[in-house]
PDB file of N, CA and C in Angstrom:
ATOM      1  N   MET A   1     -44.254 -11.217  -4.832  1.00  0.00           N
ATOM      2  CA  MET A   1     -42.979 -11.464  -5.464  1.00  0.00           C
ATOM      3  C   MET A   1     -41.895 -11.550  -4.389  1.00  0.00           C
ATOM      4  N   VAL A   2     -41.074 -12.584  -4.482  1.00  0.00           N
ATOM      5  CA  VAL A   2     -39.996 -12.795  -3.526  1.00  0.00           C
ATOM      6  C   VAL A   2     -38.676 -12.436  -4.196  1.00  0.00           C
ATOM      7  N   VAL A   3     -37.930 -11.594  -3.535  1.00  0.00           N
ATOM      8  CA  VAL A   3     -36.627 -11.197  -4.061  1.00  0.00           C
ATOM      9  C   VAL A   3     -35.561 -11.894  -3.232  1.00  0.00           C
ATOM     10  N   GLU A   4     -34.714 -12.648  -3.918  1.00  0.00           N
ATOM     11  CA  GLU A   4     -33.634 -13.340  -3.218  1.00  0.00           C
ATOM     12  C   GLU A   4     -32.409 -12.442  -3.157  1.00  0.00           C
ATOM     13  N   GLU A   5     -31.820 -12.376  -1.978  1.00  0.00           N
ATOM     14  CA  GLU A   5     -30.579 -11.635  -1.843  1.00  0.00           C
ATOM     15  C   GLU A   5     -29.436 -12.524  -2.293  1.00  0.00           C
ATOM     16  N   LYS A   6     -28.463 -11.920  -2.939  1.00  0.00           N
ATOM     17  CA  LYS A   6     -27.301 -12.664  -3.372  1.00  0.00           C
ATOM     18  C   LYS A   6     -26.506 -13.072  -2.140  1.00  0.00           C
ATOM     19  N   LYS A   7     -26.206 -14.352  -2.046  1.00  0.00           N
ATOM     20  CA  LYS A   7     -25.401 -14.824  -0.933  1.00  0.00           C
ATOM     21  C   LYS A   7     -23.948 -14.449  -1.171  1.00  0.00           C
ATOM     22  N   THR A   8     -23.319 -13.945  -0.135  1.00  0.00           N
ATOM     23  CA  THR A   8     -21.908 -13.629  -0.260  1.00  0.00           C
ATOM     24  C   THR A   8     -21.097 -14.754   0.363  1.00  0.00           C
ATOM     25  N   SER A   9     -20.020 -15.123  -0.298  1.00  0.00           N
ATOM     26  CA  SER A   9     -19.160 -16.181   0.215  1.00  0.00           C
ATOM     27  C   SER A   9     -18.366 -15.656   1.407  1.00  0.00           C
ATOM     28  N   ASN A  10     -17.778 -16.576   2.124  1.00  0.00           N
ATOM     29  CA  ASN A  10     -16.957 -16.213   3.277  1.00  0.00           C
ATOM     30  C   ASN A  10     -15.784 -15.349   2.838  1.00  0.00           C
ATOM     31  N   ASN A  11     -15.174 -15.687   1.697  1.00  0.00           N
ATOM     32  CA  ASN A  11     -14.041 -14.897   1.210  1.00  0.00           C
ATOM     33  C   ASN A  11     -14.468 -13.503   0.770  1.00  0.00           C
ATOM     34  N   GLU A  12     -15.654 -13.394   0.170  1.00  0.00           N
ATOM     35  CA  GLU A  12     -16.135 -12.075  -0.233  1.00  0.00           C
ATOM     36  C   GLU A  12     -16.419 -11.212   0.993  1.00  0.00           C
ATOM     37  N   THR A  13     -16.974 -11.810   2.028  1.00  0.00           N
ATOM     38  CA  THR A  13     -17.229 -11.092   3.279  1.00  0.00           C
ATOM     39  C   THR A  13     -15.916 -10.606   3.893  1.00  0.00           C
ATOM     40  N   LYS A  14     -14.900 -11.469   3.888  1.00  0.00           N
ATOM     41  CA  LYS A  14     -13.594 -11.087   4.428  1.00  0.00           C
ATOM     42  C   LYS A  14     -12.959  -9.974   3.594  1.00  0.00           C
ATOM     43  N   LEU A  15     -13.114 -10.064   2.276  1.00  0.00           N
ATOM     44  CA  LEU A  15     -12.569  -9.032   1.398  1.00  0.00           C
ATOM     45  C   LEU A  15     -13.239  -7.685   1.648  1.00  0.00           C
ATOM     46  N   ILE A  16     -14.556  -7.697   1.778  1.00  0.00           N
ATOM     47  CA  ILE A  16     -15.301  -6.472   2.068  1.00  0.00           C
ATOM     48  C   ILE A  16     -14.823  -5.867   3.381  1.00  0.00           C
ATOM     49  N   SER A  17     -14.685  -6.696   4.404  1.00  0.00           N
ATOM     50  CA  SER A  17     -14.216  -6.217   5.712  1.00  0.00           C
ATOM     51  C   SER A  17     -12.813  -5.632   5.610  1.00  0.00           C
ATOM     52  N   LEU A  18     -11.950  -6.296   4.865  1.00  0.00           N
ATOM     53  CA  LEU A  18     -10.581  -5.823   4.709  1.00  0.00           C
ATOM     54  C   LEU A  18     -10.536  -4.466   4.016  1.00  0.00           C
ATOM     55  N   LEU A  19     -11.331  -4.296   2.962  1.00  0.00           N
ATOM     56  CA  LEU A  19     -11.388  -3.007   2.265  1.00  0.00           C
ATOM     57  C   LEU A  19     -11.939  -1.913   3.177  1.00  0.00           C
ATOM     58  N   GLN A  20     -12.972  -2.241   3.966  1.00  0.00           N
ATOM     59  CA  GLN A  20     -13.548  -1.257   4.881  1.00  0.00           C
ATOM     60  C   GLN A  20     -12.554  -0.856   5.971  1.00  0.00           C
ATOM     61  N   ILE A  21     -11.825  -1.825   6.490  1.00  0.00           N
ATOM     62  CA  ILE A  21     -10.830  -1.527   7.522  1.00  0.00           C
ATOM     63  C   ILE A  21      -9.707  -0.665   6.939  1.00  0.00           C
ATOM     64  N   ALA A  22      -9.253  -1.009   5.738  1.00  0.00           N
ATOM     65  CA  ALA A  22      -8.202  -0.215   5.078  1.00  0.00           C
ATOM     66  C   ALA A  22      -8.683   1.220   4.869  1.00  0.00           C
ATOM     67  N   PHE A  23      -9.934   1.376   4.464  1.00  0.00           N
ATOM     68  CA  PHE A  23     -10.503   2.702   4.247  1.00  0.00           C
ATOM     69  C   PHE A  23     -10.536   3.503   5.542  1.00  0.00           C
ATOM     70  N   LYS A  24     -11.013   2.884   6.619  1.00  0.00           N
ATOM     71  CA  LYS A  24     -11.100   3.572   7.905  1.00  0.00           C
ATOM     72  C   LYS A  24      -9.727   3.887   8.498  1.00  0.00           C
ATOM     73  N   ALA A  25      -8.736   3.062   8.133  1.00  0.00           N
ATOM     74  CA  ALA A  25      -7.380   3.269   8.641  1.00  0.00           C
ATOM     75  C   ALA A  25      -6.564   4.199   7.731  1.00  0.00           C
ATOM     76  N   ASN A  26      -7.228   4.829   6.767  1.00  0.00           N
ATOM     77  CA  ASN A  26      -6.563   5.713   5.804  1.00  0.00           C
ATOM     78  C   ASN A  26      -5.455   5.013   5.025  1.00  0.00           C
ATOM     79  N   LYS A  27      -5.668   3.737   4.740  1.00  0.00           N
ATOM     80  CA  LYS A  27      -4.728   2.959   3.931  1.00  0.00           C
ATOM     81  C   LYS A  27      -5.326   2.646   2.571  1.00  0.00           C
ATOM     82  N   LEU A  28      -6.403   3.318   2.221  1.00  0.00           N
ATOM     83  CA  LEU A  28      -7.065   3.169   0.933  1.00  0.00           C
ATOM     84  C   LEU A  28      -7.447   4.553   0.436  1.00  0.00           C
ATOM     85  N   VAL A  29      -7.077   4.858  -0.793  1.00  0.00           N
ATOM     86  CA  VAL A  29      -7.498   6.106  -1.422  1.00  0.00           C
ATOM     87  C   VAL A  29      -8.328   5.747  -2.646  1.00  0.00           C
ATOM     88  N   TYR A  30      -9.188   6.657  -3.050  1.00  0.00           N
ATOM     89  CA  TYR A  30     -10.077   6.388  -4.177  1.00  0.00           C
ATOM     90  C   TYR A  30     -10.167   7.627  -5.050  1.00  0.00           C
ATOM     91  N   GLY A  31     -10.545   7.400  -6.296  1.00  0.00           N
ATOM     92  CA  GLY A  31     -10.694   8.509  -7.229  1.00  0.00           C
ATOM     93  C   GLY A  31      -9.417   8.745  -8.018  1.00  0.00           C
ATOM     94  N   TYR A  32      -9.587   9.182  -9.246  1.00  0.00           N
ATOM     95  CA  TYR A  32      -8.458   9.347 -10.168  1.00  0.00           C
ATOM     96  C   TYR A  32      -7.376  10.259  -9.601  1.00  0.00           C
ATOM     97  N   ASP A  33      -7.745  11.467  -9.211  1.00  0.00           N
ATOM     98  CA  ASP A  33      -6.747  12.448  -8.760  1.00  0.00           C
ATOM     99  C   ASP A  33      -6.032  12.013  -7.487  1.00  0.00           C
ATOM    100  N   SER A  34      -6.775  11.539  -6.501  1.00  0.00           N
ATOM    101  CA  SER A  34      -6.170  11.133  -5.222  1.00  0.00           C
ATOM    102  C   SER A  34      -5.229   9.948  -5.397  1.00  0.00           C
ATOM    103  N   VAL A  35      -5.665   8.978  -6.171  1.00  0.00           N
ATOM    104  CA  VAL A  35      -4.823   7.804  -6.383  1.00  0.00           C
ATOM    105  C   VAL A  35      -3.587   8.182  -7.203  1.00  0.00           C
ATOM    106  N   LEU A  36      -3.756   9.010  -8.222  1.00  0.00           N
ATOM    107  CA  LEU A  36      -2.620   9.415  -9.047  1.00  0.00           C
ATOM    108  C   LEU A  36      -1.567  10.154  -8.214  1.00  0.00           C
ATOM    109  N   ARG A  37      -2.014  11.045  -7.315  1.00  0.00           N
ATOM    110  CA  ARG A  37      -1.062  11.756  -6.444  1.00  0.00           C
ATOM    111  C   ARG A  37      -0.243  10.765  -5.609  1.00  0.00           C
ATOM    112  N   LYS A  38      -0.917   9.780  -5.034  1.00  0.00           N
ATOM    113  CA  LYS A  38      -0.221   8.784  -4.204  1.00  0.00           C
ATOM    114  C   LYS A  38       0.673   7.884  -5.065  1.00  0.00           C
ATOM    115  N   LEU A  39       0.212   7.561  -6.269  1.00  0.00           N
ATOM    116  CA  LEU A  39       1.038   6.770  -7.190  1.00  0.00           C
ATOM    117  C   LEU A  39       2.349   7.486  -7.480  1.00  0.00           C
ATOM    118  N   LEU A  40       2.243   8.754  -7.808  1.00  0.00           N
ATOM    119  CA  LEU A  40       3.430   9.524  -8.172  1.00  0.00           C
ATOM    120  C   LEU A  40       4.384   9.708  -6.987  1.00  0.00           C
ATOM    121  N   LYS A  41       3.853   9.639  -5.775  1.00  0.00           N
ATOM    122  CA  LYS A  41       4.683   9.708  -4.567  1.00  0.00           C
ATOM    123  C   LYS A  41       5.180   8.328  -4.146  1.00  0.00           C
ATOM    124  N   LYS A  42       4.843   7.308  -4.947  1.00  0.00           N
ATOM    125  CA  LYS A  42       5.248   5.915  -4.699  1.00  0.00           C
ATOM    126  C   LYS A  42       4.733   5.390  -3.362  1.00  0.00           C
ATOM    127  N   LYS A  43       3.489   5.722  -3.040  1.00  0.00           N
ATOM    128  CA  LYS A  43       2.892   5.273  -1.786  1.00  0.00           C
ATOM    129  C   LYS A  43       1.834   4.194  -1.998  1.00  0.00           C
ATOM    130  N   VAL A  44       1.549   3.848  -3.251  1.00  0.00           N
ATOM    131  CA  VAL A  44       0.522   2.852  -3.557  1.00  0.00           C
ATOM    132  C   VAL A  44       1.189   1.498  -3.773  1.00  0.00           C
ATOM    133  N   TYR A  45       0.678   0.462  -3.087  1.00  0.00           N
ATOM    134  CA  TYR A  45       1.188  -0.894  -3.235  1.00  0.00           C
ATOM    135  C   TYR A  45       0.337  -1.726  -4.185  1.00  0.00           C
ATOM    136  N   LEU A  46      -0.936  -1.371  -4.305  1.00  0.00           N
ATOM    137  CA  LEU A  46      -1.851  -2.123  -5.157  1.00  0.00           C
ATOM    138  C   LEU A  46      -2.867  -1.168  -5.741  1.00  0.00           C
ATOM    139  N   LEU A  47      -3.092  -1.287  -7.033  1.00  0.00           N
ATOM    140  CA  LEU A  47      -4.095  -0.482  -7.723  1.00  0.00           C
ATOM    141  C   LEU A  47      -5.228  -1.411  -8.130  1.00  0.00           C
ATOM    142  N   ILE A  48      -6.445  -1.093  -7.692  1.00  0.00           N
ATOM    143  CA  ILE A  48      -7.618  -1.881  -8.040  1.00  0.00           C
ATOM    144  C   ILE A  48      -8.495  -1.033  -8.949  1.00  0.00           C
ATOM    145  N   LEU A  49      -8.746  -1.546 -10.144  1.00  0.00           N
ATOM    146  CA  LEU A  49      -9.549  -0.827 -11.123  1.00  0.00           C
ATOM    147  C   LEU A  49     -10.836  -1.592 -11.384  1.00  0.00           C
ATOM    148  N   ALA A  50     -11.954  -0.890 -11.332  1.00  0.00           N
ATOM    149  CA  ALA A  50     -13.262  -1.500 -11.570  1.00  0.00           C
ATOM    150  C   ALA A  50     -13.370  -1.960 -13.018  1.00  0.00           C
ATOM    151  N   LYS A  51     -14.105  -3.045 -13.225  1.00  0.00           N
ATOM    152  CA  LYS A  51     -14.308  -3.561 -14.575  1.00  0.00           C
ATOM    153  C   LYS A  51     -15.125  -2.603 -15.433  1.00  0.00           C
ATOM    154  N   ASP A  52     -15.915  -1.731 -14.811  1.00  0.00           N
ATOM    155  CA  ASP A  52     -16.729  -0.782 -15.581  1.00  0.00           C
ATOM    156  C   ASP A  52     -16.094   0.615 -15.636  1.00  0.00           C
ATOM    157  N   LEU A  53     -14.796   0.688 -15.375  1.00  0.00           N
ATOM    158  CA  LEU A  53     -14.054   1.950 -15.472  1.00  0.00           C
ATOM    159  C   LEU A  53     -13.901   2.323 -16.941  1.00  0.00           C
ATOM    160  N   SER A  54     -13.923   3.617 -17.230  1.00  0.00           N
ATOM    161  CA  SER A  54     -13.769   4.049 -18.619  1.00  0.00           C
ATOM    162  C   SER A  54     -12.409   3.600 -19.158  1.00  0.00           C
ATOM    163  N   GLU A  55     -12.372   3.343 -20.447  1.00  0.00           N
ATOM    164  CA  GLU A  55     -11.139   2.862 -21.090  1.00  0.00           C
ATOM    165  C   GLU A  55      -9.991   3.853 -20.926  1.00  0.00           C
ATOM    166  N   SER A  56     -10.280   5.144 -21.044  1.00  0.00           N
ATOM    167  CA  SER A  56      -9.208   6.145 -20.934  1.00  0.00           C
ATOM    168  C   SER A  56      -8.611   6.168 -19.524  1.00  0.00           C
ATOM    169  N   ASN A  57      -9.453   6.115 -18.490  1.00  0.00           N
ATOM    170  CA  ASN A  57      -8.942   6.076 -17.112  1.00  0.00           C
ATOM    171  C   ASN A  57      -8.179   4.781 -16.850  1.00  0.00           C
ATOM    172  N   TYR A  58      -8.710   3.685 -17.380  1.00  0.00           N
ATOM    173  CA  TYR A  58      -8.044   2.388 -17.213  1.00  0.00           C
ATOM    174  C   TYR A  58      -6.641   2.434 -17.825  1.00  0.00           C
ATOM    175  N   GLN A  59      -6.541   2.911 -19.058  1.00  0.00           N
ATOM    176  CA  GLN A  59      -5.245   2.976 -19.750  1.00  0.00           C
ATOM    177  C   GLN A  59      -4.269   3.901 -19.017  1.00  0.00           C
ATOM    178  N   SER A  60      -4.749   5.057 -18.602  1.00  0.00           N
ATOM    179  CA  SER A  60      -3.897   6.034 -17.937  1.00  0.00           C
ATOM    180  C   SER A  60      -3.353   5.497 -16.611  1.00  0.00           C
ATOM    181  N   MET A  61      -4.230   4.972 -15.779  1.00  0.00           N
ATOM    182  CA  MET A  61      -3.802   4.481 -14.466  1.00  0.00           C
ATOM    183  C   MET A  61      -2.900   3.254 -14.609  1.00  0.00           C
ATOM    184  N   THR A  62      -3.232   2.379 -15.531  1.00  0.00           N
ATOM    185  CA  THR A  62      -2.415   1.186 -15.746  1.00  0.00           C
ATOM    186  C   THR A  62      -1.013   1.577 -16.200  1.00  0.00           C
ATOM    187  N   LYS A  63      -0.922   2.538 -17.100  1.00  0.00           N
ATOM    188  CA  LYS A  63       0.375   2.996 -17.593  1.00  0.00           C
ATOM    189  C   LYS A  63       1.233   3.539 -16.449  1.00  0.00           C
ATOM    190  N   HIS A  64       0.646   4.396 -15.623  1.00  0.00           N
ATOM    191  CA  HIS A  64       1.390   4.956 -14.487  1.00  0.00           C
ATOM    192  C   HIS A  64       1.843   3.848 -13.532  1.00  0.00           C
ATOM    193  N   ALA A  65       0.940   2.941 -13.208  1.00  0.00           N
ATOM    194  CA  ALA A  65       1.253   1.880 -12.248  1.00  0.00           C
ATOM    195  C   ALA A  65       2.336   0.948 -12.782  1.00  0.00           C
ATOM    196  N   LEU A  66       2.229   0.561 -14.033  1.00  0.00           N
ATOM    197  CA  LEU A  66       3.222  -0.342 -14.596  1.00  0.00           C
ATOM    198  C   LEU A  66       4.593   0.323 -14.702  1.00  0.00           C
ATOM    199  N   ASN A  67       4.624   1.613 -15.014  1.00  0.00           N
ATOM    200  CA  ASN A  67       5.894   2.340 -15.049  1.00  0.00           C
ATOM    201  C   ASN A  67       6.562   2.359 -13.683  1.00  0.00           C
ATOM    202  N   MET A  68       5.739   2.328 -12.628  1.00  0.00           N
ATOM    203  CA  MET A  68       6.270   2.384 -11.265  1.00  0.00           C
ATOM    204  C   MET A  68       6.340   0.996 -10.615  1.00  0.00           C
ATOM    205  N   LYS A  69       6.059  -0.036 -11.424  1.00  0.00           N
ATOM    206  CA  LYS A  69       6.112  -1.432 -10.965  1.00  0.00           C
ATOM    207  C   LYS A  69       5.160  -1.702  -9.793  1.00  0.00           C
ATOM    208  N   ILE A  70       3.948  -1.196  -9.922  1.00  0.00           N
ATOM    209  CA  ILE A  70       2.903  -1.400  -8.916  1.00  0.00           C
ATOM    210  C   ILE A  70       1.903  -2.411  -9.457  1.00  0.00           C
ATOM    211  N   ASP A  71       1.500  -3.353  -8.616  1.00  0.00           N
ATOM    212  CA  ASP A  71       0.529  -4.369  -9.030  1.00  0.00           C
ATOM    213  C   ASP A  71      -0.809  -3.722  -9.359  1.00  0.00           C
ATOM    214  N   VAL A  72      -1.430  -4.206 -10.445  1.00  0.00           N
ATOM    215  CA  VAL A  72      -2.732  -3.709 -10.886  1.00  0.00           C
ATOM    216  C   VAL A  72      -3.669  -4.895 -11.048  1.00  0.00           C
ATOM    217  N   ILE A  73      -4.879  -4.778 -10.491  1.00  0.00           N
ATOM    218  CA  ILE A  73      -5.897  -5.794 -10.749  1.00  0.00           C
ATOM    219  C   ILE A  73      -7.155  -5.106 -11.264  1.00  0.00           C
ATOM    220  N   HIS A  74      -7.845  -5.805 -12.122  1.00  0.00           N
ATOM    221  CA  HIS A  74      -9.082  -5.327 -12.737  1.00  0.00           C
ATOM    222  C   HIS A  74     -10.192  -6.177 -12.126  1.00  0.00           C
ATOM    223  N   TRP A  75     -10.856  -5.639 -11.106  1.00  0.00           N
ATOM    224  CA  TRP A  75     -11.790  -6.459 -10.339  1.00  0.00           C
ATOM    225  C   TRP A  75     -12.925  -5.607  -9.776  1.00  0.00           C
ATOM    226  N   GLY A  76     -14.106  -6.198  -9.672  1.00  0.00           N
ATOM    227  CA  GLY A  76     -15.259  -5.520  -9.086  1.00  0.00           C
ATOM    228  C   GLY A  76     -15.826  -4.462 -10.020  1.00  0.00           C
ATOM    229  N   ASN A  77     -16.776  -3.693  -9.492  1.00  0.00           N
ATOM    230  CA  ASN A  77     -17.355  -2.591 -10.266  1.00  0.00           C
ATOM    231  C   ASN A  77     -17.653  -1.419  -9.334  1.00  0.00           C
ATOM    232  N   LYS A  78     -17.974  -0.290  -9.934  1.00  0.00           N
ATOM    233  CA  LYS A  78     -18.187   0.936  -9.156  1.00  0.00           C
ATOM    234  C   LYS A  78     -19.315   0.785  -8.141  1.00  0.00           C
ATOM    235  N   ASP A  79     -20.384   0.104  -8.519  1.00  0.00           N
ATOM    236  CA  ASP A  79     -21.498  -0.087  -7.585  1.00  0.00           C
ATOM    237  C   ASP A  79     -21.075  -0.905  -6.373  1.00  0.00           C
ATOM    238  N   PHE A  80     -20.242  -1.927  -6.590  1.00  0.00           N
ATOM    239  CA  PHE A  80     -19.739  -2.742  -5.487  1.00  0.00           C
ATOM    240  C   PHE A  80     -18.909  -1.886  -4.539  1.00  0.00           C
ATOM    241  N   TYR A  81     -18.022  -1.068  -5.101  1.00  0.00           N
ATOM    242  CA  TYR A  81     -17.195  -0.187  -4.260  1.00  0.00           C
ATOM    243  C   TYR A  81     -18.056   0.797  -3.486  1.00  0.00           C
ATOM    244  N   PHE A  82     -19.120   1.297  -4.132  1.00  0.00           N
ATOM    245  CA  PHE A  82     -20.021   2.224  -3.453  1.00  0.00           C
ATOM    246  C   PHE A  82     -20.716   1.538  -2.270  1.00  0.00           C
ATOM    247  N   GLN A  83     -21.150   0.296  -2.473  1.00  0.00           N
ATOM    248  CA  GLN A  83     -21.838  -0.431  -1.400  1.00  0.00           C
ATOM    249  C   GLN A  83     -20.946  -0.650  -0.188  1.00  0.00           C
ATOM    250  N   ILE A  84     -19.661  -0.894  -0.413  1.00  0.00           N
ATOM    251  CA  ILE A  84     -18.812  -1.201   0.737  1.00  0.00           C
ATOM    252  C   ILE A  84     -18.095   0.013   1.319  1.00  0.00           C
ATOM    253  N   LEU A  85     -17.879   1.057   0.505  1.00  0.00           N
ATOM    254  CA  LEU A  85     -17.144   2.230   0.992  1.00  0.00           C
ATOM    255  C   LEU A  85     -18.007   3.479   1.116  1.00  0.00           C
ATOM    256  N   GLY A  86     -19.169   3.471   0.465  1.00  0.00           N
ATOM    257  CA  GLY A  86     -20.009   4.661   0.476  1.00  0.00           C
ATOM    258  C   GLY A  86     -19.471   5.756  -0.420  1.00  0.00           C
ATOM    259  N   ARG A  87     -18.543   5.402  -1.301  1.00  0.00           N
ATOM    260  CA  ARG A  87     -17.938   6.351  -2.238  1.00  0.00           C
ATOM    261  C   ARG A  87     -18.056   5.764  -3.637  1.00  0.00           C
ATOM    262  N   TYR A  88     -18.428   6.592  -4.590  1.00  0.00           N
ATOM    263  CA  TYR A  88     -18.606   6.111  -5.957  1.00  0.00           C
ATOM    264  C   TYR A  88     -17.340   6.399  -6.753  1.00  0.00           C
ATOM    265  N   SER A  89     -16.546   5.369  -6.956  1.00  0.00           N
ATOM    266  CA  SER A  89     -15.294   5.508  -7.702  1.00  0.00           C
ATOM    267  C   SER A  89     -14.930   4.150  -8.289  1.00  0.00           C
ATOM    268  N   GLY A  90     -14.218   4.181  -9.377  1.00  0.00           N
ATOM    269  CA  GLY A  90     -13.770   2.946 -10.005  1.00  0.00           C
ATOM    270  C   GLY A  90     -12.287   2.710  -9.837  1.00  0.00           C
ATOM    271  N   ILE A  91     -11.635   3.551  -9.044  1.00  0.00           N
ATOM    272  CA  ILE A  91     -10.187   3.458  -8.869  1.00  0.00           C
ATOM    273  C   ILE A  91      -9.878   3.459  -7.374  1.00  0.00           C
ATOM    274  N   LEU A  92      -9.217   2.408  -6.912  1.00  0.00           N
ATOM    275  CA  LEU A  92      -8.826   2.302  -5.512  1.00  0.00           C
ATOM    276  C   LEU A  92      -7.320   2.089  -5.437  1.00  0.00           C
ATOM    277  N   GLY A  93      -6.696   2.747  -4.498  1.00  0.00           N
ATOM    278  CA  GLY A  93      -5.270   2.553  -4.255  1.00  0.00           C
ATOM    279  C   GLY A  93      -5.065   2.077  -2.831  1.00  0.00           C
ATOM    280  N   ILE A  94      -4.324   0.985  -2.677  1.00  0.00           N
ATOM    281  CA  ILE A  94      -4.037   0.426  -1.354  1.00  0.00           C
ATOM    282  C   ILE A  94      -2.650   0.901  -0.937  1.00  0.00           C
ATOM    283  N   LEU A  95      -2.565   1.502   0.250  1.00  0.00           N
ATOM    284  CA  LEU A  95      -1.339   2.171   0.707  1.00  0.00           C
ATOM    285  C   LEU A  95      -0.554   1.382   1.742  1.00  0.00           C
ATOM    286  N   ASP A  96      -0.822   0.086   1.852  1.00  0.00           N
ATOM    287  CA  ASP A  96      -0.162  -0.721   2.883  1.00  0.00           C
ATOM    288  C   ASP A  96       0.107  -2.116   2.323  1.00  0.00           C
ATOM    289  N   GLN A  97       1.310  -2.620   2.543  1.00  0.00           N
ATOM    290  CA  GLN A  97       1.715  -3.930   2.018  1.00  0.00           C
ATOM    291  C   GLN A  97       0.869  -5.064   2.612  1.00  0.00           C
ATOM    292  N   SER A  98       0.566  -5.008   3.899  1.00  0.00           N
ATOM    293  CA  SER A  98      -0.215  -6.069   4.532  1.00  0.00           C
ATOM    294  C   SER A  98      -1.640  -6.116   3.982  1.00  0.00           C
ATOM    295  N   PHE A  99      -2.266  -4.955   3.820  1.00  0.00           N
ATOM    296  CA  PHE A  99      -3.598  -4.925   3.227  1.00  0.00           C
ATOM    297  C   PHE A  99      -3.543  -5.449   1.795  1.00  0.00           C
ATOM    298  N   LYS A 100      -2.510  -5.069   1.057  1.00  0.00           N
ATOM    299  CA  LYS A 100      -2.351  -5.555  -0.318  1.00  0.00           C
ATOM    300  C   LYS A 100      -2.329  -7.080  -0.344  1.00  0.00           C
ATOM    301  N   ASN A 101      -1.517  -7.685   0.509  1.00  0.00           N
ATOM    302  CA  ASN A 101      -1.397  -9.144   0.532  1.00  0.00           C
ATOM    303  C   ASN A 101      -2.726  -9.818   0.864  1.00  0.00           C
ATOM    304  N   GLY A 102      -3.424  -9.299   1.857  1.00  0.00           N
ATOM    305  CA  GLY A 102      -4.717  -9.875   2.240  1.00  0.00           C
ATOM    306  C   GLY A 102      -5.754  -9.744   1.144  1.00  0.00           C
ATOM    307  N   ILE A 103      -5.819  -8.579   0.527  1.00  0.00           N
ATOM    308  CA  ILE A 103      -6.788  -8.328  -0.541  1.00  0.00           C
ATOM    309  C   ILE A 103      -6.521  -9.235  -1.734  1.00  0.00           C
ATOM    310  N   LEU A 104      -5.254  -9.336  -2.142  1.00  0.00           N
ATOM    311  CA  LEU A 104      -4.913 -10.205  -3.276  1.00  0.00           C
ATOM    312  C   LEU A 104      -5.250 -11.661  -2.992  1.00  0.00           C
ATOM    313  N   THR A 105      -4.989 -12.109  -1.776  1.00  0.00           N
ATOM    314  CA  THR A 105      -5.310 -13.488  -1.396  1.00  0.00           C
ATOM    315  C   THR A 105      -6.794 -13.766  -1.557  1.00  0.00           C
ATOM    316  N   HIS A 106      -7.637 -12.887  -1.034  1.00  0.00           N
ATOM    317  CA  HIS A 106      -9.083 -13.109  -1.102  1.00  0.00           C
ATOM    318  C   HIS A 106      -9.619 -12.963  -2.527  1.00  0.00           C
ATOM    319  N   ILE A 107      -9.075 -12.061  -3.293  1.00  0.00           N
ATOM    320  CA  ILE A 107      -9.528 -11.907  -4.685  1.00  0.00           C
ATOM    321  C   ILE A 107      -9.172 -13.136  -5.501  1.00  0.00           C
ATOM    322  N   LYS A 108      -7.971 -13.681  -5.296  1.00  0.00           N
ATOM    323  CA  LYS A 108      -7.564 -14.894  -6.019  1.00  0.00           C
ATOM    324  C   LYS A 108      -8.495 -16.056  -5.687  1.00  0.00           C
ATOM    325  N   VAL A 109      -8.840 -16.211  -4.419  1.00  0.00           N
ATOM    326  CA  VAL A 109      -9.741 -17.288  -4.017  1.00  0.00           C
ATOM    327  C   VAL A 109     -11.120 -17.086  -4.650  1.00  0.00           C
ATOM    328  N   LEU A 110     -11.609 -15.849  -4.636  1.00  0.00           N
ATOM    329  CA  LEU A 110     -12.908 -15.561  -5.240  1.00  0.00           C
ATOM    330  C   LEU A 110     -12.913 -15.860  -6.738  1.00  0.00           C
ATOM    331  N   GLU A 111     -11.821 -15.551  -7.420  1.00  0.00           N
ATOM    332  CA  GLU A 111     -11.737 -15.834  -8.846  1.00  0.00           C
ATOM    333  C   GLU A 111     -11.729 -17.331  -9.110  1.00  0.00           C
ATOM    334  N   MET A 112     -11.096 -18.111  -8.217  1.00  0.00           N
ATOM    335  CA  MET A 112     -11.084 -19.571  -8.365  1.00  0.00           C
ATOM    336  C   MET A 112     -12.470 -20.164  -8.110  1.00  0.00           C
ATOM    337  N   GLU A 113     -13.230 -19.531  -7.183  1.00  0.00           N
ATOM    338  CA  GLU A 113     -14.582 -20.007  -6.883  1.00  0.00           C
ATOM    339  C   GLU A 113     -15.518 -19.782  -8.058  1.00  0.00           C
ATOM    340  N   GLY A 114     -15.180 -18.800  -8.881  1.00  0.00           N
ATOM    341  CA  GLY A 114     -15.998 -18.532 -10.065  1.00  0.00           C
ATOM    342  C   GLY A 114     -16.884 -17.423  -9.822  1.00  0.00           C
TER     343      GLY A 114
END
């Protein structure tokens, strides 16, 4: 039996690298409590919520972010985040404007690719 690996696009590879660099540079926080603390301190520029996040966590985090006028995207899943960060969480907070811009650019391109 031959198992084919899923090919990753150039934009997906760049997005993965960007998330990993943000994580190593302490510009990415994960997990409900950690992200909420940073949200309340107004240090989060972008909130990324996994598509398989529980409805209650999704509603709670979205409400906080929208009240504070922080961009929210619903993208990826917990397994994907685990593969690239080594942490199992469905909530990511980006703490830097430049990382936010790069991540949004690559996610938009990936969504257009289908």
